[in-house]
Amino acid sequence: MPAKSMLRGRPVRLIVLCRGAHEMLLIKDLLMEATEVRFDCQRVEDLTALDTMMSERAARADAILAWIAQPSAEEEIALRHIASAAPHIPLLLSTEFPNAESAVRWASFGIQDLVPRDGLRPETLANAIMFAIARSLRNARAGHDELTALPTRAIWQDRLSHALRRSRRNNSLMAMMVIDIDDFKQVNDVLGHDIGDAFLIEIGHRIRATVRSRDTVARIGGDEFAILLEDVPFAEAALRVARKIIRAVAEPVVLARASLKAAVSIGIAILDPDQPNLDADWAHQASDIALYDAKRLGKNQYSVFTADMDRALLSSLQLDSDLLDGVEADEFVFYYQPMVSTDTGHLEGFEALLRWERASGEIVAPDEFLPALERLGLMDRISRTLFARALDQLGNWRTLTGAPLSMHVNLSATQLIDQHFSDMLLGLIAHADLPPSALTIELTETVAFRYGALIEGEFARLRRHGVRFAIDDFGTGYNSMTYLKQFQPDVVKIDRSFIATMNESRVDAAIVRAQSVMAESLGIDAIAEGVETAEQLDALRLMRGVNFIQGYLTGRPMSAADLERDYIPLREMLHDRRPQMIR
């Protein structure tokens, strides 16, 4: 069956690893010229970022194209890790002047096709990608995982569908388990991929040995296994199997250069044939939610999907559908919250805050939809439109008022890693005729902690162009001082949790005062978030270093239209074209 048919007419999702934007344009041009098949290309700039995507199972792709002139030893190690972490995604390498020895070595650790750069023609590149996808899909449907000899994800899906039909016919209970090896990435990183592969093989054997011969055990991801238990007499029997797996895996794994102890997390879904919405998708989602809950409990834990989780799952599925409709209907907008001078009350700028204006009139805050929006990969679809509107709006306000107003925005780690997004942002700033310093990107301590090493490159590039950076929620993490040194921000935003009780708590007041003095000593701005009372403002004015405030006292988040109509300082500035004091 041709790959195009196997993909059911949708675009080919291709992750492209390349360092330069010009290389990405070349690849896109080649693919557009070569074939009627549409390619949806996502660029990743370096192997570290791609490795993280594979390890966290954040990538949704049909194939990966690594565009590397001459892979170094370190790059070969990273490519091997990527191939191991995502064995179901074909990995192609396009390089200059490959020789036979290199080709054999690259094939040995998972490169599925080699595309020589010299004289590369459009149809050669496109055909290599489509052939690799077709071969991967065929092999997945026909065979077993080469490393562990366990069934692949495709075989697993087929057996699950057949088992569900038997369960309904026989009115028999089933259980599905998803097993994730805790901290497996560290094994590969510290001991190497040979040890990691041997470790996976042994864990697969132990899991297989704990269940009956008629039960299905499959490897469905880099370090993820799945089990299907049919004809389960009662739910507790599945829990006994889970405990047996944890005990079996916990025994030391003795390998050539190491003795390792494994820990696993297990998500369990009990599949009752009387359940009205039971199908393969529900089984996967239910067991994944249970796995997430097991990981929350710590290592060597299992969790069973419950009725409460069921309600949450149905709600999640409905939210996903509503989000897709909302994106199509252009329901996502920025609201703007003013930031003003602590001393003078002059309007200094705004923070752009994402909101969902539903057709029903409900205004939804991002806490309720942002994780799902990012999980569905919809942020890229709305980002360009939102940022273009916001920056054009800021440009208009600066022109009309004659005041150097600024705007703060929050970016996700995924956006900061992507050079394409940075290029887009810089282009939008130029289109709005704004100086880059008019934009401040806010980075939370949580993002800095999890993705600091990955975002430093784009972070530095945007700063070189003049974009400013702020550390948001400052003082709430474990390494606040480390992030100050690592990222050297232009602004720190003092978290609202300290501001809320600073007039009642000597400790919180001292923390706010210390942060403001430190900011002044470093020559950076400090913004107090969540200022809601005049008493809080008075206390902040007595402190040195708190330059600006933001909160309900000076303005709630508002739409652009409401801001121009109702917000007094801006309204008067638009009318008089000169700065006014807050009243």
Protein backbone atom coordinates (compact mmCIF):
# COMPACT_ATOMS: atom_id res chain seq x y z
CA MET A 1 0.00 0.00 0.00
CA PRO A 2 1.49 3.42 -0.96
CA ALA A 3 2.49 5.69 1.91
CA LYS A 4 0.15 8.38 0.63
CA SER A 5 -2.81 6.02 0.99
CA MET A 6 -1.61 4.82 4.36
CA LEU A 7 -1.60 8.42 5.55
CA ARG A 8 -5.21 8.78 4.37
CA GLY A 9 -4.59 11.90 2.33
CA ARG A 10 -3.36 14.11 5.18
CA PRO A 11 -0.09 16.07 4.96
CA VAL A 12 3.12 14.22 5.79
CA ARG A 13 4.29 15.44 9.21
CA LEU A 14 8.05 15.86 8.79
CA ILE A 15 10.43 17.04 11.50
CA VAL A 16 13.48 18.65 9.90
CA LEU A 17 16.68 18.97 11.89
CA CYS A 18 18.69 21.82 10.33
CA ARG A 19 20.61 24.75 11.71
CA GLY A 20 19.92 27.51 9.19
CA ALA A 21 16.63 29.05 8.04
CA HIS A 22 17.96 29.04 4.46
CA GLU A 23 18.39 25.25 4.65
CA MET A 24 14.79 24.88 5.76
CA LEU A 25 13.63 26.99 2.81
CA LEU A 26 15.69 24.81 0.44
CA ILE A 27 14.14 21.60 1.82
CA LYS A 28 10.61 23.01 1.58
CA ASP A 29 11.22 24.15 -1.99
CA LEU A 30 12.55 20.72 -2.97
CA LEU A 31 9.55 18.94 -1.47
CA MET A 32 7.02 21.34 -3.03
CA GLU A 33 8.60 20.87 -6.45
CA ALA A 34 8.88 17.11 -6.25
CA THR A 35 5.49 15.67 -5.45
CA GLU A 36 1.77 16.16 -5.08
CA VAL A 37 1.98 14.92 -1.50
CA ARG A 38 1.79 17.83 0.94
CA PHE A 39 4.48 18.10 3.62
CA ASP A 40 3.90 19.82 6.95
CA CYS A 41 7.48 20.60 8.03
CA GLN A 42 8.47 21.45 11.59
CA ARG A 43 12.00 22.75 12.02
CA VAL A 44 14.19 21.82 15.00
CA GLU A 45 17.52 23.61 15.22
CA ASP A 46 19.68 21.22 17.22
CA LEU A 47 19.90 17.59 18.27
CA THR A 48 19.43 18.40 21.95
CA ALA A 49 16.00 19.88 21.32
CA LEU A 50 15.03 16.95 19.08
CA ASP A 51 16.31 14.44 21.62
CA THR A 52 14.16 16.08 24.31
CA MET A 53 11.08 15.95 22.08
CA MET A 54 11.62 12.23 21.46
CA SER A 55 12.34 11.42 25.13
CA GLU A 56 9.24 13.25 26.32
CA ARG A 57 7.15 11.79 23.48
CA ALA A 58 6.25 15.37 22.48
CA ALA A 59 6.77 14.77 18.74
CA ARG A 60 3.94 13.84 16.37
CA ALA A 61 5.66 13.00 13.11
CA ASP A 62 5.65 10.55 10.23
CA ALA A 63 9.39 10.93 9.61
CA ILE A 64 12.48 12.82 10.77
CA LEU A 65 15.00 14.28 8.32
CA ALA A 66 18.39 15.11 9.84
CA TRP A 67 20.16 17.60 7.53
CA ILE A 68 23.75 17.32 8.79
CA ALA A 69 26.75 17.87 6.49
CA GLN A 70 29.16 15.57 8.37
CA PRO A 71 27.87 14.11 11.67
CA SER A 72 30.38 14.36 14.51
CA ALA A 73 30.85 11.56 17.04
CA GLU A 74 28.62 13.42 19.49
CA GLU A 75 25.96 13.92 16.83
CA GLU A 76 26.05 10.23 15.95
CA ILE A 77 25.41 9.36 19.61
CA ALA A 78 22.47 11.76 19.70
CA LEU A 79 21.04 10.34 16.47
CA ARG A 80 21.27 6.85 17.90
CA HIS A 81 19.40 7.96 21.02
CA ILE A 82 16.68 9.56 18.91
CA ALA A 83 16.27 6.41 16.80
CA SER A 84 15.99 4.35 19.99
CA ALA A 85 13.55 6.72 21.70
CA ALA A 86 11.16 6.75 18.73
CA PRO A 87 11.58 3.44 16.89
CA HIS A 88 8.22 3.87 15.15
CA ILE A 89 9.31 7.12 13.40
CA PRO A 90 11.68 6.58 10.40
CA LEU A 91 14.87 8.64 10.69
CA LEU A 92 16.62 9.77 7.49
CA LEU A 93 20.03 11.42 7.22
CA SER A 94 21.05 13.80 4.43
CA THR A 95 24.79 14.36 4.43
CA GLU A 96 27.69 15.29 2.18
CA PHE A 97 30.00 12.70 0.58
CA PRO A 98 28.98 9.62 2.62
CA ASN A 99 31.19 6.55 2.34
CA ALA A 100 30.27 2.90 2.66
CA GLU A 101 31.78 2.50 6.12
CA SER A 102 29.83 5.46 7.50
CA ALA A 103 26.63 4.27 5.85
CA VAL A 104 26.89 0.86 7.50
CA ARG A 105 27.61 2.45 10.89
CA TRP A 106 24.69 4.82 10.63
CA ALA A 107 22.34 2.03 9.57
CA SER A 108 23.42 -0.04 12.58
CA PHE A 109 21.96 2.45 15.03
CA GLY A 110 18.69 3.18 13.32
CA ILE A 111 19.15 5.49 10.30
CA GLN A 112 16.58 4.08 7.88
CA ASP A 113 17.71 5.87 4.73
CA LEU A 114 20.70 7.91 3.57
CA VAL A 115 20.14 10.83 1.19
CA PRO A 116 23.43 12.09 -0.31
CA ARG A 117 23.48 15.89 -0.55
CA ASP A 118 25.58 16.01 -3.71
CA GLY A 119 23.35 16.57 -6.76
CA LEU A 120 20.19 16.08 -4.72
CA ARG A 121 17.08 16.26 -6.88
CA PRO A 122 13.57 17.08 -5.58
CA GLU A 123 12.10 13.69 -6.48
CA THR A 124 15.05 11.89 -4.85
CA LEU A 125 14.41 13.55 -1.50
CA ALA A 126 10.63 13.16 -1.62
CA ASN A 127 10.79 9.53 -2.73
CA ALA A 128 13.28 8.65 0.01
CA ILE A 129 10.99 10.13 2.66
CA MET A 130 7.84 8.47 1.33
CA PHE A 131 9.61 5.11 0.88
CA ALA A 132 10.92 5.23 4.48
CA ILE A 133 7.42 5.99 5.78
CA ALA A 134 5.83 3.23 3.70
CA ARG A 135 8.47 0.71 4.81
CA SER A 136 8.03 1.72 8.46
CA LEU A 137 4.26 1.41 8.28
CA ARG A 138 4.51 -1.96 6.51
CA ASN A 139 7.00 -3.32 9.00
CA ALA A 140 4.98 -2.04 11.92
CA ARG A 141 1.91 -3.81 10.61
CA ALA A 142 3.72 -7.01 9.84
CA GLY A 143 6.30 -7.59 12.49
CA HIS A 144 7.83 -7.14 15.88
CA ASP A 145 10.14 -4.63 17.49
CA GLU A 146 13.70 -5.43 16.39
CA LEU A 147 15.22 -4.70 19.81
CA THR A 148 12.89 -6.53 22.22
CA ALA A 149 11.15 -8.91 19.78
CA LEU A 150 7.84 -7.77 21.27
CA PRO A 151 4.88 -6.74 19.09
CA THR A 152 4.98 -3.19 17.76
CA ARG A 153 2.40 -0.47 18.33
CA ALA A 154 0.55 -1.36 15.13
CA ILE A 155 0.27 -5.05 16.10
CA TRP A 156 -0.83 -3.93 19.55
CA GLN A 157 -3.60 -1.75 18.09
CA ASP A 158 -4.85 -4.61 15.97
CA ARG A 159 -4.92 -7.06 18.90
CA LEU A 160 -6.64 -4.51 21.13
CA SER A 161 -9.41 -3.96 18.58
CA HIS A 162 -9.98 -7.70 18.17
CA ALA A 163 -9.91 -8.25 21.94
CA LEU A 164 -12.53 -5.55 22.51
CA ARG A 165 -14.86 -7.28 20.06
CA ARG A 166 -14.32 -10.64 21.82
CA SER A 167 -14.94 -8.99 25.17
CA ARG A 168 -18.33 -7.67 24.05
CA ARG A 169 -19.24 -10.99 22.47
CA ASN A 170 -18.26 -13.02 25.57
CA ASN A 171 -19.20 -10.36 28.13
CA SER A 172 -15.73 -10.71 29.68
CA LEU A 173 -13.63 -8.21 31.60
CA MET A 174 -10.28 -6.96 30.26
CA ALA A 175 -7.48 -4.76 31.53
CA MET A 176 -4.98 -2.58 29.70
CA MET A 177 -1.72 -1.43 31.27
CA VAL A 178 0.76 1.16 30.10
CA ILE A 179 4.22 0.84 31.70
CA ASP A 180 6.86 3.56 31.65
CA ILE A 181 10.44 3.05 32.86
CA ASP A 182 11.27 5.85 35.29
CA ASP A 183 14.41 7.90 34.49
CA PHE A 184 15.39 5.71 31.55
CA LYS A 185 16.94 8.68 29.74
CA GLN A 186 19.61 8.85 32.44
CA VAL A 187 20.68 5.28 31.67
CA ASN A 188 21.32 6.20 28.03
CA ASP A 189 22.96 9.52 28.88
CA VAL A 190 25.30 8.17 31.56
CA LEU A 191 26.04 4.60 30.46
CA GLY A 192 25.50 4.78 26.71
CA HIS A 193 22.99 3.34 24.28
CA ASP A 194 24.44 -0.18 24.23
CA ILE A 195 23.71 -0.52 27.93
CA GLY A 196 20.36 1.21 27.46
CA ASP A 197 19.35 -1.24 24.74
CA ALA A 198 20.39 -4.25 26.83
CA PHE A 199 18.48 -2.81 29.77
CA LEU A 200 15.31 -2.43 27.67
CA ILE A 201 15.60 -6.00 26.39
CA GLU A 202 15.84 -7.38 29.93
CA ILE A 203 12.93 -5.28 31.21
CA GLY A 204 10.83 -6.47 28.26
CA HIS A 205 11.65 -10.10 29.07
CA ARG A 206 10.71 -9.65 32.73
CA ILE A 207 7.39 -8.02 31.89
CA ARG A 208 6.61 -10.80 29.41
CA ALA A 209 7.42 -13.43 32.06
CA THR A 210 4.91 -12.01 34.56
CA VAL A 211 1.81 -12.56 32.44
CA ARG A 212 0.06 -15.49 30.81
CA SER A 213 1.11 -16.71 27.39
CA ARG A 214 -2.21 -15.60 25.88
CA ASP A 215 -1.79 -12.02 27.15
CA THR A 216 -0.22 -9.43 24.82
CA VAL A 217 2.90 -7.46 25.78
CA ALA A 218 4.08 -4.81 23.30
CA ARG A 219 6.70 -2.11 23.09
CA ILE A 220 4.77 1.00 22.02
CA GLY A 221 7.44 3.68 22.56
CA GLY A 222 11.08 4.23 23.41
CA ASP A 223 10.78 3.14 27.05
CA GLU A 224 7.06 2.40 27.13
CA PHE A 225 5.39 -1.00 27.16
CA ALA A 226 1.73 -2.02 27.08
CA ILE A 227 -0.04 -5.12 28.34
CA LEU A 228 -3.47 -6.46 27.40
CA LEU A 229 -5.01 -8.90 29.87
CA GLU A 230 -8.04 -10.73 28.49
CA ASP A 231 -10.69 -12.68 30.43
CA VAL A 232 -9.80 -11.07 33.74
CA PRO A 233 -11.95 -12.66 36.48
CA PHE A 234 -12.14 -9.46 38.55
CA ALA A 235 -10.41 -6.07 38.66
CA GLU A 236 -8.14 -6.99 41.57
CA ALA A 237 -6.46 -9.62 39.37
CA ALA A 238 -5.05 -6.84 37.17
CA LEU A 239 -3.70 -5.03 40.25
CA ARG A 240 -1.95 -8.24 41.32
CA VAL A 241 -0.24 -8.39 37.94
CA ALA A 242 0.88 -4.78 38.33
CA ARG A 243 2.41 -5.50 41.74
CA LYS A 244 4.10 -8.60 40.32
CA ILE A 245 5.63 -6.51 37.49
CA ILE A 246 6.96 -3.91 39.94
CA ARG A 247 8.61 -6.65 42.04
CA ALA A 248 10.08 -8.37 38.98
CA VAL A 249 11.51 -5.19 37.50
CA ALA A 250 12.93 -4.04 40.85
CA GLU A 251 15.41 -6.94 40.91
CA PRO A 252 18.90 -5.73 39.84
CA VAL A 253 19.66 -5.93 36.12
CA VAL A 254 23.25 -7.17 35.81
CA LEU A 255 24.87 -6.07 32.55
CA ALA A 256 28.41 -6.06 31.20
CA ARG A 257 29.47 -2.75 32.73
CA ALA A 258 26.77 -2.03 35.30
CA SER A 259 24.26 -3.42 37.73
CA LEU A 260 21.05 -1.40 37.51
CA LYS A 261 17.80 -1.29 39.47
CA ALA A 262 14.75 -0.24 37.51
CA ALA A 263 11.62 1.53 38.64
CA VAL A 264 8.41 1.69 36.64
CA SER A 265 5.12 3.55 36.69
CA ILE A 266 1.98 1.69 35.57
CA GLY A 267 -1.37 3.07 34.41
CA ILE A 268 -4.26 0.60 34.44
CA ALA A 269 -7.62 0.80 32.69
CA ILE A 270 -10.26 -1.84 33.49
CA LEU A 271 -12.21 -2.46 30.29
CA ASP A 272 -15.82 -3.43 31.00
CA PRO A 273 -17.83 -4.55 27.93
CA ASP A 274 -20.94 -2.86 29.36
CA GLN A 275 -19.20 0.50 29.21
CA PRO A 276 -21.04 2.53 26.53
CA ASN A 277 -18.09 4.57 25.23
CA LEU A 278 -15.50 1.78 25.25
CA ASP A 279 -13.20 1.64 22.23
CA ALA A 280 -9.46 1.49 21.54
CA ASP A 281 -9.00 5.27 21.76
CA TRP A 282 -10.76 5.40 25.12
CA ALA A 283 -8.63 2.52 26.43
CA HIS A 284 -5.42 4.30 25.47
CA GLN A 285 -6.48 7.65 26.89
CA ALA A 286 -7.73 6.10 30.12
CA SER A 287 -4.54 4.15 30.73
CA ASP A 288 -2.42 7.19 29.86
CA ILE A 289 -4.30 9.31 32.40
CA ALA A 290 -3.81 6.59 35.00
CA LEU A 291 -0.09 6.45 34.12
CA TYR A 292 0.18 10.19 34.67
CA ASP A 293 -1.44 9.75 38.08
CA ALA A 294 0.97 6.92 38.93
CA LYS A 295 3.95 9.13 38.07
CA ARG A 296 2.54 11.82 40.31
CA LEU A 297 2.61 9.34 43.20
CA GLY A 298 6.34 8.61 42.74
CA LYS A 299 8.40 5.71 41.43
CA ASN A 300 7.30 2.05 41.39
CA GLN A 301 3.64 3.01 41.64
CA TYR A 302 0.51 2.01 39.78
CA SER A 303 -2.81 3.78 39.41
CA VAL A 304 -6.21 2.58 38.19
CA PHE A 305 -8.43 4.72 36.03
CA THR A 306 -11.53 5.66 38.04
CA ALA A 307 -14.98 7.10 37.45
CA ASP A 308 -13.72 10.52 38.51
CA MET A 309 -10.96 10.22 35.93
CA ASP A 310 -13.61 9.09 33.44
CA ARG A 311 -15.53 12.31 33.91
CA ALA A 312 -12.29 14.23 33.54
CA LEU A 313 -11.50 12.29 30.34
CA LEU A 314 -14.90 13.01 28.80
CA SER A 315 -14.48 16.64 29.75
CA SER A 316 -11.01 16.62 28.20
CA LEU A 317 -12.30 15.12 24.95
CA GLN A 318 -15.04 17.76 24.79
CA LEU A 319 -12.49 20.49 25.50
CA ASP A 320 -10.30 19.23 22.65
CA SER A 321 -13.25 19.41 20.26
CA ASP A 322 -14.22 22.89 21.46
CA LEU A 323 -10.65 24.14 21.12
CA LEU A 324 -10.46 22.97 17.51
CA ASP A 325 -13.74 24.77 16.81
CA GLY A 326 -12.47 27.85 18.65
CA VAL A 327 -9.30 28.04 16.59
CA GLU A 328 -11.30 27.78 13.36
CA ALA A 329 -13.68 30.51 14.58
CA ASP A 330 -10.80 32.84 15.64
CA GLU A 331 -12.02 32.95 19.26
CA PHE A 332 -8.58 33.40 20.88
CA VAL A 333 -7.55 36.96 21.67
CA PHE A 334 -5.17 38.96 23.82
CA TYR A 335 -6.44 40.98 26.76
CA TYR A 336 -4.20 43.76 28.02
CA GLN A 337 -3.42 44.59 31.65
CA PRO A 338 -1.80 47.99 32.30
CA MET A 339 1.57 48.43 33.99
CA VAL A 340 2.20 51.85 35.53
CA SER A 341 5.02 53.76 37.22
CA THR A 342 5.04 53.24 40.97
CA ASP A 343 6.05 56.83 41.68
CA THR A 344 4.25 58.88 39.03
CA GLY A 345 1.32 56.71 37.99
CA HIS A 346 2.22 57.20 34.32
CA LEU A 347 1.12 54.40 32.03
CA GLU A 348 4.23 52.49 30.91
CA GLY A 349 2.85 49.53 29.00
CA PHE A 350 0.78 46.36 29.08
CA GLU A 351 1.00 42.63 29.56
CA ALA A 352 -0.75 40.69 26.80
CA LEU A 353 -2.74 37.83 28.33
CA LEU A 354 -4.33 35.07 26.26
CA ARG A 355 -8.11 34.66 26.59
CA TRP A 356 -10.71 32.48 24.91
CA GLU A 357 -13.82 34.44 23.93
CA ARG A 358 -16.28 31.63 23.35
CA ALA A 359 -19.27 32.01 21.07
CA SER A 360 -21.49 31.80 24.16
CA GLY A 361 -19.92 35.01 25.49
CA GLU A 362 -17.91 33.21 28.18
CA ILE A 363 -14.38 34.53 28.70
CA VAL A 364 -12.05 31.63 29.60
CA ALA A 365 -8.71 32.13 31.36
CA PRO A 366 -5.65 30.26 29.99
CA ASP A 367 -5.28 27.96 33.01
CA GLU A 368 -8.36 26.11 31.77
CA PHE A 369 -7.30 25.58 28.14
CA LEU A 370 -3.62 26.36 27.55
CA PRO A 371 -2.19 22.87 28.35
CA ALA A 372 -4.68 21.25 25.97
CA LEU A 373 -4.04 23.89 23.31
CA GLU A 374 -0.30 23.12 23.42
CA ARG A 375 -0.88 19.35 23.57
CA LEU A 376 -2.98 19.52 20.41
CA GLY A 377 -0.29 21.55 18.66
CA LEU A 378 -2.65 24.49 18.09
CA MET A 379 -0.48 27.25 19.56
CA ASP A 380 1.48 27.61 16.32
CA ARG A 381 -1.74 28.09 14.39
CA ILE A 382 -2.90 31.03 16.49
CA SER A 383 0.42 32.59 17.53
CA ARG A 384 1.21 34.52 14.37
CA THR A 385 -2.22 36.14 14.18
CA LEU A 386 -2.28 37.01 17.89
CA PHE A 387 1.22 38.49 17.98
CA ALA A 388 0.70 40.41 14.74
CA ARG A 389 -2.46 42.01 16.12
CA ALA A 390 -0.89 42.78 19.49
CA LEU A 391 2.26 44.38 18.05
CA ASP A 392 0.29 46.38 15.48
CA GLN A 393 -1.96 47.56 18.31
CA LEU A 394 1.04 48.60 20.37
CA GLY A 395 2.51 50.45 17.40
CA ASN A 396 -0.75 52.36 16.96
CA TRP A 397 -0.92 53.28 20.64
CA ARG A 398 2.68 54.49 20.63
CA THR A 399 2.05 56.61 17.54
CA LEU A 400 -1.19 58.10 18.85
CA THR A 401 0.11 58.87 22.33
CA GLY A 402 3.67 59.79 21.55
CA ALA A 403 4.61 57.70 24.59
CA PRO A 404 7.16 54.82 24.44
CA LEU A 405 4.68 52.19 25.62
CA SER A 406 5.92 48.61 25.89
CA MET A 407 4.31 45.18 25.86
CA HIS A 408 5.04 42.01 27.85
CA VAL A 409 4.14 38.58 26.45
CA ASN A 410 4.49 35.04 27.76
CA LEU A 411 6.04 32.37 25.54
CA SER A 412 6.12 28.62 26.02
CA ALA A 413 9.40 26.68 26.02
CA THR A 414 8.41 25.09 22.69
CA GLN A 415 8.16 28.53 21.11
CA LEU A 416 11.47 29.69 22.56
CA ILE A 417 13.25 26.57 21.27
CA ASP A 418 11.97 27.08 17.72
CA GLN A 419 14.14 29.43 15.66
CA HIS A 420 11.32 29.72 13.13
CA PHE A 421 9.13 31.26 15.84
CA SER A 422 11.88 33.73 16.78
CA ASP A 423 12.27 34.71 13.12
CA MET A 424 8.52 35.23 12.88
CA LEU A 425 8.47 37.36 16.03
CA LEU A 426 11.32 39.59 14.85
CA GLY A 427 9.58 39.99 11.49
CA LEU A 428 6.33 41.05 13.16
CA ILE A 429 8.18 43.59 15.31
CA ALA A 430 9.72 45.12 12.19
CA HIS A 431 6.36 45.08 10.36
CA ALA A 432 4.77 47.01 13.23
CA ASP A 433 7.62 49.56 12.99
CA LEU A 434 8.56 48.99 16.63
CA PRO A 435 11.97 48.95 18.26
CA PRO A 436 12.66 45.40 19.54
CA SER A 437 13.04 46.85 23.07
CA ALA A 438 9.30 47.60 23.02
CA LEU A 439 8.71 43.86 23.51
CA THR A 440 9.50 42.03 26.73
CA ILE A 441 9.25 38.23 26.81
CA GLU A 442 8.32 36.81 30.20
CA LEU A 443 9.88 33.53 31.29
CA THR A 444 8.61 31.69 34.36
CA GLU A 445 11.03 30.03 36.75
CA THR A 446 9.37 26.69 35.98
CA VAL A 447 10.22 27.02 32.28
CA ALA A 448 13.75 28.15 33.15
CA PHE A 449 14.20 25.12 35.39
CA ARG A 450 12.94 22.53 32.91
CA TYR A 451 14.21 23.95 29.62
CA GLY A 452 17.02 26.37 30.53
CA ALA A 453 19.72 24.66 28.46
CA LEU A 454 17.45 24.31 25.42
CA ILE A 455 16.20 27.89 25.27
CA GLU A 456 19.47 29.70 25.93
CA GLY A 457 20.39 29.89 22.24
CA GLU A 458 17.19 31.55 21.02
CA PHE A 459 17.07 33.60 24.21
CA ALA A 460 20.50 35.09 23.44
CA ARG A 461 19.65 35.65 19.76
CA LEU A 462 16.49 37.64 20.57
CA ARG A 463 18.40 39.68 23.13
CA ARG A 464 21.06 40.54 20.56
CA HIS A 465 18.27 42.01 18.44
CA GLY A 466 17.14 44.14 21.39
CA VAL A 467 14.17 42.16 22.73
CA ARG A 468 13.94 42.42 26.52
CA PHE A 469 13.38 39.53 28.94
CA ALA A 470 11.66 39.26 32.32
CA ILE A 471 11.65 36.48 34.90
CA ASP A 472 8.03 36.03 35.98
CA ASP A 473 6.87 34.80 39.42
CA PHE A 474 10.31 35.69 40.75
CA GLY A 475 11.18 34.19 44.12
CA THR A 476 8.79 31.23 43.94
CA GLY A 477 11.30 28.67 42.58
CA TYR A 478 14.25 26.87 44.06
CA ASN A 479 16.94 28.53 41.97
CA SER A 480 15.93 32.18 41.61
CA MET A 481 19.49 33.45 41.99
CA THR A 482 20.81 30.90 39.51
CA TYR A 483 18.35 32.10 36.87
CA LEU A 484 19.36 35.71 37.47
CA LYS A 485 22.94 34.77 36.71
CA GLN A 486 22.13 32.42 33.82
CA PHE A 487 19.65 34.62 31.94
CA GLN A 488 20.58 38.15 33.16
CA PRO A 489 17.05 39.49 32.67
CA ASP A 490 16.09 43.09 32.10
CA VAL A 491 13.12 42.77 34.47
CA VAL A 492 12.04 40.70 37.46
CA LYS A 493 8.38 40.42 38.36
CA ILE A 494 7.83 40.04 42.10
CA ASP A 495 5.22 37.33 42.56
CA ARG A 496 1.75 38.30 43.73
CA SER A 497 1.91 35.79 46.58
CA PHE A 498 4.40 38.08 48.36
CA ILE A 499 2.50 41.28 47.51
CA ALA A 500 -0.85 39.95 48.78
CA THR A 501 0.33 39.64 52.41
CA MET A 502 3.22 42.09 52.58
CA ASN A 503 1.26 44.50 54.82
CA GLU A 504 0.40 41.72 57.28
CA SER A 505 3.57 39.61 57.11
CA ARG A 506 6.96 40.97 58.11
CA VAL A 507 8.55 38.04 56.29
CA ASP A 508 6.81 38.78 52.97
CA ALA A 509 7.53 42.49 53.33
CA ALA A 510 11.21 41.70 53.90
CA ILE A 511 11.26 39.40 50.84
CA VAL A 512 9.72 42.11 48.63
CA ARG A 513 12.15 44.70 49.98
CA ALA A 514 15.14 42.39 49.42
CA GLN A 515 14.07 41.65 45.84
CA SER A 516 13.59 45.33 45.06
CA VAL A 517 17.00 46.32 46.49
CA MET A 518 18.65 43.49 44.58
CA ALA A 519 16.99 44.60 41.31
CA GLU A 520 18.15 48.17 41.87
CA SER A 521 21.70 46.98 42.59
CA LEU A 522 21.74 44.96 39.37
CA GLY A 523 20.35 47.85 37.36
CA ILE A 524 17.21 46.00 36.27
CA ASP A 525 13.53 46.90 36.59
CA ALA A 526 11.28 45.33 39.21
CA ILE A 527 7.52 45.02 38.68
CA ALA A 528 5.19 44.17 41.58
CA GLU A 529 2.37 41.87 40.41
CA GLY A 530 -1.08 41.57 41.94
CA VAL A 531 -1.29 45.04 43.50
CA GLU A 532 -4.92 45.41 44.56
CA THR A 533 -5.04 47.98 47.39
CA ALA A 534 -3.84 51.53 47.98
CA GLU A 535 -2.09 50.31 51.12
CA GLN A 536 0.03 47.92 49.07
CA LEU A 537 0.91 50.73 46.65
CA ASP A 538 1.90 53.03 49.55
CA ALA A 539 4.17 50.33 50.99
CA LEU A 540 5.81 49.73 47.60
CA ARG A 541 6.45 53.44 47.12
CA LEU A 542 8.49 53.43 50.33
CA MET A 543 10.78 50.74 48.92
CA ARG A 544 13.65 51.44 46.58
CA GLY A 545 13.72 49.60 43.32
CA VAL A 546 10.08 48.71 42.62
CA ASN A 547 9.71 50.69 39.40
CA PHE A 548 6.32 49.54 38.19
CA ILE A 549 3.13 47.93 39.45
CA GLN A 550 0.52 45.72 37.84
CA GLY A 551 -2.78 44.59 39.32
CA TYR A 552 -6.48 45.28 39.76
CA LEU A 553 -5.74 48.57 41.53
CA THR A 554 -4.55 50.09 38.26
CA GLY A 555 -6.56 48.02 35.80
CA ARG A 556 -7.93 44.56 35.10
CA PRO A 557 -7.09 42.69 31.89
CA MET A 558 -9.22 44.25 29.12
CA SER A 559 -9.84 43.84 25.42
CA ALA A 560 -8.20 46.40 23.17
CA ALA A 561 -11.56 48.06 22.51
CA ASP A 562 -12.46 48.23 26.22
CA LEU A 563 -9.00 49.54 27.04
CA GLU A 564 -9.31 52.44 24.64
CA ARG A 565 -12.87 53.20 25.70
CA ASP A 566 -12.76 52.73 29.46
CA TYR A 567 -9.21 52.90 30.74
CA ILE A 568 -8.79 56.52 31.88
CA PRO A 569 -5.02 57.05 31.44
CA LEU A 570 -4.94 55.63 27.93
CA ARG A 571 -8.20 57.30 26.92
CA GLU A 572 -6.88 60.70 27.97
CA MET A 573 -3.51 60.04 26.33
CA LEU A 574 -5.27 59.15 23.07
CA HIS A 575 -7.31 62.35 23.37
CA ASP A 576 -4.57 64.76 24.50
CA ARG A 577 -1.48 62.94 23.14
CA ARG A 578 0.37 63.56 26.38
CA PRO A 579 0.96 61.31 29.43
CA GLN A 580 -1.46 61.59 32.33
CA MET A 581 -1.45 60.43 35.94
CA ILE A 582 -3.62 57.56 37.13
CA ARG A 583 -6.70 58.81 38.96
